[in-house]
Amino acid sequence: MVSELGASVAPWPLVADDIRAGRLVAPWGFVKSDKRYVCLKRQRRNRKAARFLAWLREEAETFERECPAPRG
């Protein structure tokens, strides 16, 4: 439940749906961050993990392309 109380600092991917639905507002927009997610590779290849990482990368790239964060 949204009670119109408080403030938050959150990355765009976590709040995009709520902003689009009008449940949250970003009165000053968003600031691009240079933070990146990393994954460590193990010596032994795990096909399931490799497929999951490929899917995760594709989803992130699709989201970034189709849902760019609004600028402040």
Protein backbone atom coordinates (compact mmCIF):
# COMPACT_ATOMS: atom_id res chain seq x y z
CA MET A 1 0.00 0.00 0.00
CA VAL A 2 1.30 3.44 -0.89
CA SER A 3 0.52 6.05 1.73
CA GLU A 4 2.21 9.11 0.22
CA LEU A 5 4.81 9.06 2.97
CA GLY A 6 8.56 9.18 2.80
CA ALA A 7 11.23 9.22 0.19
CA SER A 8 13.54 6.64 -1.29
CA VAL A 9 16.63 6.25 -3.37
CA ALA A 10 16.20 3.32 -5.73
CA PRO A 11 17.50 2.17 -9.09
CA TRP A 12 15.23 2.66 -12.09
CA PRO A 13 14.68 -1.06 -12.83
CA LEU A 14 13.20 -1.59 -9.35
CA VAL A 15 10.71 1.29 -9.53
CA ALA A 16 9.91 1.58 -13.26
CA ASP A 17 6.56 -0.21 -13.03
CA ASP A 18 5.42 1.87 -10.04
CA ILE A 19 6.45 5.14 -11.67
CA ARG A 20 4.62 4.25 -14.88
CA ALA A 21 1.53 3.28 -12.88
CA GLY A 22 1.62 6.59 -10.97
CA ARG A 23 2.19 4.97 -7.58
CA LEU A 24 5.58 6.67 -7.25
CA VAL A 25 7.00 9.90 -8.60
CA ALA A 26 10.54 10.99 -9.36
CA PRO A 27 10.26 14.77 -9.15
CA TRP A 28 13.95 15.28 -9.97
CA GLY A 29 14.35 12.36 -12.35
CA PHE A 30 17.15 9.82 -12.15
CA VAL A 31 20.91 10.01 -12.18
CA LYS A 32 22.84 7.54 -14.31
CA SER A 33 25.09 5.34 -12.23
CA ASP A 34 28.27 3.71 -13.37
CA LYS A 35 27.65 0.73 -11.08
CA ARG A 36 27.67 -2.66 -12.72
CA TYR A 37 26.71 -6.14 -11.65
CA VAL A 38 29.37 -8.79 -11.97
CA CYS A 39 29.41 -12.54 -11.87
CA LEU A 40 32.43 -14.63 -11.04
CA LYS A 41 33.26 -17.51 -13.35
CA ARG A 42 34.31 -20.86 -12.04
CA GLN A 43 36.88 -23.08 -13.67
CA ARG A 44 34.36 -25.81 -14.42
CA ARG A 45 31.65 -24.80 -16.87
CA ASN A 46 28.08 -25.16 -15.73
CA ARG A 47 25.69 -25.12 -18.71
CA LYS A 48 22.64 -24.24 -16.63
CA ALA A 49 24.42 -21.31 -15.01
CA ALA A 50 25.73 -20.15 -18.40
CA ARG A 51 22.20 -20.26 -19.88
CA PHE A 52 20.82 -18.36 -16.90
CA LEU A 53 23.51 -15.68 -17.19
CA ALA A 54 22.90 -15.33 -20.93
CA TRP A 55 19.17 -14.91 -20.27
CA LEU A 56 19.82 -12.40 -17.49
CA ARG A 57 22.11 -10.37 -19.75
CA GLU A 58 19.50 -10.36 -22.53
CA GLU A 59 16.76 -9.25 -20.14
CA ALA A 60 18.91 -6.42 -18.78
CA GLU A 61 19.82 -5.24 -22.28
CA THR A 62 16.17 -5.39 -23.39
CA PHE A 63 15.02 -3.45 -20.32
CA GLU A 64 17.70 -0.80 -20.82
CA ARG A 65 16.79 -0.41 -24.49
CA GLU A 66 13.00 -0.40 -24.08
CA CYS A 67 12.66 1.36 -20.71
CA PRO A 68 15.28 4.07 -20.42
CA ALA A 69 15.22 5.97 -17.15
CA PRO A 70 13.84 9.48 -17.34
CA ARG A 71 16.44 12.18 -16.78
CA GLY A 72 16.10 14.89 -14.18
